[in-house]
């Protein structure tokens, strides 16, 4: 996760100083600055996905202090899909794929949504294979549009039968077959 900044209007005059900032009850957890009435908060470490409570206080030159807090959610990418067992080589051109996924996600196959967003934790779809090696990249996508890490499945389609065998029977004398 890159740098995370929290911006907000403090509603204080240029004379105010930004005081202690806290995240989820821990204090202080960020460096902060006040640019006019805009507070810029830079967390000391990346904020993990999930629900958080943020608090800030301002203090003017006369010693008056005011505090406020709010909650926010940092979204994380969903877990990747699981894929049920497959044969690495097949002679069937239309491959049936199935597996599991987190709730409230869709399934993306080779950058195309193949299973729409749903609360279901299972999925199934088909993929038409080309002769030879096929790389199938699967991901889940959250309702916020975040994609999971990819899962790659490699399947080889071998639907071309081998050429017919050549049978060579040496000519023999029918009256005196060699034994």
Foldseek 3Di string as FASTA:
>chain_A
DDWDKDKDFQPDAPQKFKDWKDKQPDIRQWDWGQDGRMIITTGPDDDDFAKMKMKIKIAGPVGDIDMDMDMDGDDDAFAFWDWPDDDQEDQDQKAKIKTFGAAQKFKAKPNRTFGDGHRGGMDIDIDGHDAAKDKIWMWIAHPVGHIHDIDIGIHHHDNDDDDDDDDDDDDADPVDGDD
